[in-house]
Amino acid sequence: MRIVFVHADGKGRTEAEAQPGDILLDVAQTHLMPLEGTCEGQMACSTCHVIVAKEDFGRLPPASEEEEDMLDLAAGARRTSRLSCQIMLTDDLDGLTVHIPAESRNMQR
């Protein structure tokens, strides 16, 4: 399956191959996207925040209440924001496009 990451500057794009069952954060980090994921998927931070393309947002299962609470703390959050650590990829998400927020930070570099 194919995932498209739109870089924070809005100009660059990275196309990534993924498998059903992969976590979006892991795919992003493998392809050097600047998503820190400090809490390692425990929903204790918002450092893996992404903005899902409007046309793809409806294909995702709804965010949990805990995820919504963390998104409230994310810089630059929008209506289609999600935590990439909470998105398990399925065949239905082939072609998913996500935008890296301009406010993203990667302290691991």
N, C-alpha and C. Protein backbone atom coordinates (compact mmCIF):
# COMPACT_ATOMS: atom_id res chain seq x y z
N MET A 1 0.84 -1.18 0.00
CA MET A 1 0.00 0.00 0.00
C MET A 1 0.89 1.24 0.00
N ARG A 2 0.34 2.33 -0.49
CA ARG A 2 1.07 3.58 -0.65
C ARG A 2 0.52 4.63 0.32
N ILE A 3 1.45 5.33 0.98
CA ILE A 3 1.12 6.45 1.85
C ILE A 3 1.89 7.65 1.33
N VAL A 4 1.25 8.81 1.28
CA VAL A 4 1.90 10.03 0.82
C VAL A 4 2.02 11.00 1.99
N PHE A 5 3.25 11.43 2.25
CA PHE A 5 3.52 12.45 3.26
C PHE A 5 3.82 13.75 2.54
N VAL A 6 3.06 14.79 2.85
CA VAL A 6 3.32 16.12 2.30
C VAL A 6 4.17 16.86 3.33
N HIS A 7 5.33 17.32 2.90
CA HIS A 7 6.27 17.97 3.82
C HIS A 7 5.68 19.26 4.38
N ALA A 8 6.23 19.69 5.50
CA ALA A 8 5.72 20.87 6.20
C ALA A 8 5.73 22.12 5.34
N ASP A 9 6.66 22.21 4.38
CA ASP A 9 6.70 23.38 3.52
C ASP A 9 5.61 23.36 2.44
N GLY A 10 4.89 22.24 2.35
CA GLY A 10 3.81 22.12 1.37
C GLY A 10 4.28 21.83 -0.03
N LYS A 11 5.58 21.84 -0.26
CA LYS A 11 6.12 21.66 -1.60
C LYS A 11 6.61 20.23 -1.83
N GLY A 12 7.31 19.69 -0.88
CA GLY A 12 7.87 18.35 -1.03
C GLY A 12 6.88 17.26 -0.66
N ARG A 13 7.08 16.09 -1.24
CA ARG A 13 6.25 14.92 -0.95
C ARG A 13 7.16 13.70 -0.85
N THR A 14 6.79 12.80 0.02
CA THR A 14 7.47 11.52 0.12
C THR A 14 6.41 10.44 0.01
N GLU A 15 6.60 9.53 -0.95
CA GLU A 15 5.71 8.39 -1.08
C GLU A 15 6.36 7.22 -0.38
N ALA A 16 5.59 6.54 0.45
CA ALA A 16 6.11 5.43 1.23
C ALA A 16 5.28 4.18 0.98
N GLU A 17 5.96 3.06 1.00
CA GLU A 17 5.28 1.77 0.94
C GLU A 17 5.05 1.30 2.36
N ALA A 18 3.89 0.72 2.61
CA ALA A 18 3.54 0.22 3.94
C ALA A 18 2.76 -1.07 3.77
N GLN A 19 2.60 -1.75 4.87
CA GLN A 19 1.85 -3.00 4.89
C GLN A 19 0.63 -2.84 5.81
N PRO A 20 -0.46 -3.54 5.51
CA PRO A 20 -1.58 -3.54 6.45
C PRO A 20 -1.08 -4.00 7.83
N GLY A 21 -1.52 -3.31 8.86
CA GLY A 21 -1.07 -3.60 10.22
C GLY A 21 0.03 -2.68 10.69
N ASP A 22 0.71 -1.99 9.77
CA ASP A 22 1.73 -1.01 10.17
C ASP A 22 1.06 0.16 10.87
N ILE A 23 1.79 0.79 11.76
CA ILE A 23 1.34 2.01 12.42
C ILE A 23 1.90 3.19 11.63
N LEU A 24 1.06 4.18 11.35
CA LEU A 24 1.47 5.31 10.52
C LEU A 24 2.72 6.00 11.07
N LEU A 25 2.85 6.16 12.36
CA LEU A 25 4.04 6.80 12.94
C LEU A 25 5.30 6.03 12.56
N ASP A 26 5.26 4.72 12.64
CA ASP A 26 6.43 3.91 12.31
C ASP A 26 6.82 4.09 10.84
N VAL A 27 5.83 4.13 9.97
CA VAL A 27 6.09 4.33 8.54
C VAL A 27 6.72 5.70 8.33
N ALA A 28 6.16 6.72 8.99
CA ALA A 28 6.69 8.09 8.86
C ALA A 28 8.14 8.16 9.32
N GLN A 29 8.43 7.58 10.47
CA GLN A 29 9.80 7.64 10.99
C GLN A 29 10.77 6.86 10.11
N THR A 30 10.33 5.74 9.57
CA THR A 30 11.18 4.96 8.66
C THR A 30 11.57 5.78 7.44
N HIS A 31 10.67 6.67 7.02
CA HIS A 31 10.92 7.51 5.85
C HIS A 31 11.38 8.91 6.23
N LEU A 32 11.92 9.03 7.44
CA LEU A 32 12.58 10.25 7.93
C LEU A 32 11.67 11.47 8.01
N MET A 33 10.38 11.26 8.24
CA MET A 33 9.49 12.39 8.47
C MET A 33 9.75 12.91 9.89
N PRO A 34 9.66 14.22 10.10
CA PRO A 34 10.02 14.81 11.39
C PRO A 34 8.91 14.67 12.44
N LEU A 35 8.57 13.45 12.78
CA LEU A 35 7.58 13.17 13.82
C LEU A 35 8.29 12.44 14.95
N GLU A 36 8.30 13.06 16.11
CA GLU A 36 9.08 12.52 17.22
C GLU A 36 8.45 11.29 17.85
N GLY A 37 7.17 11.35 18.20
CA GLY A 37 6.54 10.21 18.87
C GLY A 37 7.16 9.93 20.23
N THR A 38 7.34 10.97 21.02
CA THR A 38 8.02 10.88 22.31
C THR A 38 7.48 9.80 23.22
N CYS A 39 6.17 9.65 23.28
CA CYS A 39 5.56 8.71 24.24
C CYS A 39 5.45 7.30 23.68
N GLU A 40 5.93 7.08 22.47
CA GLU A 40 5.94 5.76 21.84
C GLU A 40 4.55 5.15 21.75
N GLY A 41 3.57 5.97 21.39
CA GLY A 41 2.22 5.47 21.14
C GLY A 41 1.32 5.35 22.35
N GLN A 42 1.73 5.91 23.47
CA GLN A 42 0.93 5.80 24.70
C GLN A 42 -0.08 6.94 24.87
N MET A 43 -0.20 7.79 23.89
CA MET A 43 -1.09 8.96 23.91
C MET A 43 -0.84 9.85 25.12
N ALA A 44 0.42 10.09 25.41
CA ALA A 44 0.81 10.99 26.50
C ALA A 44 1.45 12.26 25.95
N CYS A 45 1.44 12.42 24.63
CA CYS A 45 2.00 13.61 24.00
C CYS A 45 1.31 13.81 22.66
N SER A 46 1.70 14.83 21.95
CA SER A 46 1.12 15.06 20.62
C SER A 46 2.24 15.29 19.59
N THR A 47 3.41 14.71 19.84
CA THR A 47 4.55 14.94 18.96
C THR A 47 4.51 14.12 17.67
N CYS A 48 3.45 13.34 17.48
CA CYS A 48 3.30 12.60 16.22
C CYS A 48 2.07 13.10 15.45
N HIS A 49 1.64 14.30 15.77
CA HIS A 49 0.47 14.92 15.15
C HIS A 49 0.67 15.09 13.65
N VAL A 50 -0.34 14.66 12.88
CA VAL A 50 -0.37 14.88 11.43
C VAL A 50 -1.73 15.44 11.06
N ILE A 51 -1.79 16.03 9.89
CA ILE A 51 -3.07 16.54 9.36
C ILE A 51 -3.42 15.66 8.16
N VAL A 52 -4.51 14.95 8.29
CA VAL A 52 -4.95 14.04 7.24
C VAL A 52 -5.64 14.85 6.15
N ALA A 53 -5.37 14.50 4.90
CA ALA A 53 -6.03 15.19 3.78
C ALA A 53 -7.54 15.07 3.95
N LYS A 54 -8.24 16.16 3.68
CA LYS A 54 -9.70 16.20 3.86
C LYS A 54 -10.40 15.05 3.16
N GLU A 55 -9.95 14.74 1.94
CA GLU A 55 -10.61 13.69 1.17
C GLU A 55 -10.36 12.29 1.74
N ASP A 56 -9.38 12.15 2.62
CA ASP A 56 -9.07 10.85 3.22
C ASP A 56 -9.56 10.70 4.65
N PHE A 57 -9.88 11.80 5.29
CA PHE A 57 -10.20 11.79 6.72
C PHE A 57 -11.35 10.83 7.04
N GLY A 58 -12.37 10.78 6.21
CA GLY A 58 -13.53 9.93 6.45
C GLY A 58 -13.22 8.45 6.36
N ARG A 59 -12.08 8.09 5.80
CA ARG A 59 -11.70 6.68 5.70
C ARG A 59 -11.12 6.13 7.01
N LEU A 60 -10.78 7.03 7.93
CA LEU A 60 -10.19 6.62 9.20
C LEU A 60 -11.28 6.31 10.22
N PRO A 61 -11.02 5.36 11.11
CA PRO A 61 -11.96 5.18 12.22
C PRO A 61 -11.92 6.42 13.10
N PRO A 62 -12.99 6.71 13.82
CA PRO A 62 -13.00 7.90 14.67
C PRO A 62 -11.91 7.86 15.74
N ALA A 63 -11.45 9.04 16.11
CA ALA A 63 -10.46 9.16 17.18
C ALA A 63 -11.14 8.86 18.52
N SER A 64 -10.36 8.26 19.42
CA SER A 64 -10.88 8.02 20.78
C SER A 64 -10.94 9.35 21.53
N GLU A 65 -11.62 9.34 22.65
CA GLU A 65 -11.69 10.55 23.48
C GLU A 65 -10.30 10.93 23.97
N GLU A 66 -9.47 9.94 24.31
CA GLU A 66 -8.10 10.21 24.77
C GLU A 66 -7.28 10.86 23.66
N GLU A 67 -7.45 10.38 22.43
CA GLU A 67 -6.71 10.98 21.32
C GLU A 67 -7.18 12.42 21.10
N GLU A 68 -8.47 12.64 21.16
CA GLU A 68 -9.01 14.01 21.01
C GLU A 68 -8.42 14.93 22.06
N ASP A 69 -8.30 14.45 23.30
CA ASP A 69 -7.72 15.27 24.37
C ASP A 69 -6.27 15.64 24.05
N MET A 70 -5.50 14.71 23.52
CA MET A 70 -4.10 15.00 23.16
C MET A 70 -4.03 15.96 21.98
N LEU A 71 -4.94 15.81 21.03
CA LEU A 71 -4.96 16.71 19.88
C LEU A 71 -5.25 18.15 20.29
N ASP A 72 -6.00 18.32 21.39
CA ASP A 72 -6.25 19.67 21.90
C ASP A 72 -4.95 20.37 22.28
N LEU A 73 -3.91 19.60 22.58
CA LEU A 73 -2.62 20.17 22.98
C LEU A 73 -1.65 20.34 21.81
N ALA A 74 -2.01 19.82 20.65
CA ALA A 74 -1.10 19.86 19.49
C ALA A 74 -1.06 21.25 18.87
N ALA A 75 0.14 21.72 18.60
CA ALA A 75 0.31 23.01 17.93
C ALA A 75 -0.21 22.89 16.50
N GLY A 76 -1.02 23.84 16.08
CA GLY A 76 -1.51 23.87 14.71
C GLY A 76 -2.55 22.82 14.38
N ALA A 77 -3.22 22.27 15.40
CA ALA A 77 -4.24 21.25 15.16
C ALA A 77 -5.39 21.81 14.31
N ARG A 78 -5.91 20.95 13.47
CA ARG A 78 -7.03 21.30 12.59
C ARG A 78 -8.12 20.25 12.72
N ARG A 79 -9.21 20.45 12.02
CA ARG A 79 -10.33 19.53 12.09
C ARG A 79 -9.94 18.12 11.67
N THR A 80 -9.00 17.97 10.75
CA THR A 80 -8.60 16.65 10.27
C THR A 80 -7.29 16.16 10.90
N SER A 81 -6.94 16.72 12.05
CA SER A 81 -5.72 16.30 12.75
C SER A 81 -5.93 14.95 13.42
N ARG A 82 -4.86 14.16 13.43
CA ARG A 82 -4.84 12.87 14.13
C ARG A 82 -3.44 12.64 14.68
N LEU A 83 -3.35 11.73 15.63
CA LEU A 83 -2.05 11.27 16.11
C LEU A 83 -1.65 10.08 15.27
N SER A 84 -0.51 10.17 14.62
CA SER A 84 -0.11 9.10 13.71
C SER A 84 0.15 7.78 14.44
N CYS A 85 0.42 7.84 15.74
CA CYS A 85 0.63 6.61 16.51
C CYS A 85 -0.66 5.83 16.69
N GLN A 86 -1.78 6.45 16.42
CA GLN A 86 -3.08 5.80 16.63
C GLN A 86 -3.72 5.33 15.33
N ILE A 87 -3.01 5.46 14.22
CA ILE A 87 -3.56 5.05 12.93
C ILE A 87 -2.89 3.75 12.49
N MET A 88 -3.65 2.65 12.61
CA MET A 88 -3.18 1.37 12.09
C MET A 88 -3.64 1.29 10.65
N LEU A 89 -2.69 1.03 9.78
CA LEU A 89 -2.99 1.01 8.35
C LEU A 89 -3.72 -0.27 7.95
N THR A 90 -4.71 -0.10 7.11
CA THR A 90 -5.48 -1.21 6.56
C THR A 90 -5.51 -1.05 5.05
N ASP A 91 -5.93 -2.09 4.34
CA ASP A 91 -6.03 -2.01 2.89
C ASP A 91 -6.91 -0.85 2.45
N ASP A 92 -7.91 -0.51 3.26
CA ASP A 92 -8.83 0.59 2.92
C ASP A 92 -8.13 1.95 2.92
N LEU A 93 -6.93 2.03 3.50
CA LEU A 93 -6.22 3.31 3.59
C LEU A 93 -5.15 3.47 2.52
N ASP A 94 -5.12 2.58 1.55
CA ASP A 94 -4.16 2.70 0.45
C ASP A 94 -4.31 4.07 -0.20
N GLY A 95 -3.20 4.77 -0.38
CA GLY A 95 -3.22 6.10 -0.99
C GLY A 95 -3.44 7.22 0.01
N LEU A 96 -3.48 6.91 1.30
CA LEU A 96 -3.67 7.92 2.34
C LEU A 96 -2.64 9.03 2.20
N THR A 97 -3.11 10.27 2.29
CA THR A 97 -2.23 11.44 2.24
C THR A 97 -2.32 12.17 3.57
N VAL A 98 -1.15 12.42 4.17
CA VAL A 98 -1.09 13.17 5.42
C VAL A 98 -0.08 14.30 5.27
N HIS A 99 -0.36 15.40 5.92
CA HIS A 99 0.49 16.58 5.90
C HIS A 99 1.25 16.67 7.22
N ILE A 100 2.52 16.94 7.13
CA ILE A 100 3.34 17.17 8.33
C ILE A 100 3.12 18.63 8.73
N PRO A 101 2.67 18.87 9.95
CA PRO A 101 2.42 20.26 10.36
C PRO A 101 3.70 21.09 10.39
N ALA A 102 3.58 22.35 10.09
CA ALA A 102 4.74 23.25 10.12
C ALA A 102 5.34 23.33 11.52
N GLU A 103 4.53 23.09 12.53
CA GLU A 103 4.99 23.19 13.91
C GLU A 103 5.64 21.90 14.41
N SER A 104 5.82 20.91 13.55
CA SER A 104 6.38 19.63 14.01
C SER A 104 7.82 19.80 14.44
N ARG A 105 8.21 18.97 15.41
CA ARG A 105 9.58 18.97 15.90
C ARG A 105 10.04 17.52 15.99
N ASN A 106 11.29 17.30 15.73
CA ASN A 106 11.87 15.98 15.90
C ASN A 106 13.13 16.14 16.72
N MET A 107 13.03 15.83 18.01
CA MET A 107 14.16 15.98 18.91
C MET A 107 15.16 14.83 18.77
N GLN A 108 14.82 13.81 17.97
CA GLN A 108 15.69 12.66 17.81
C GLN A 108 16.82 12.94 16.83
N ARG A 109 16.75 14.00 16.07
CA ARG A 109 17.79 14.30 15.09
C ARG A 109 18.92 15.06 15.71
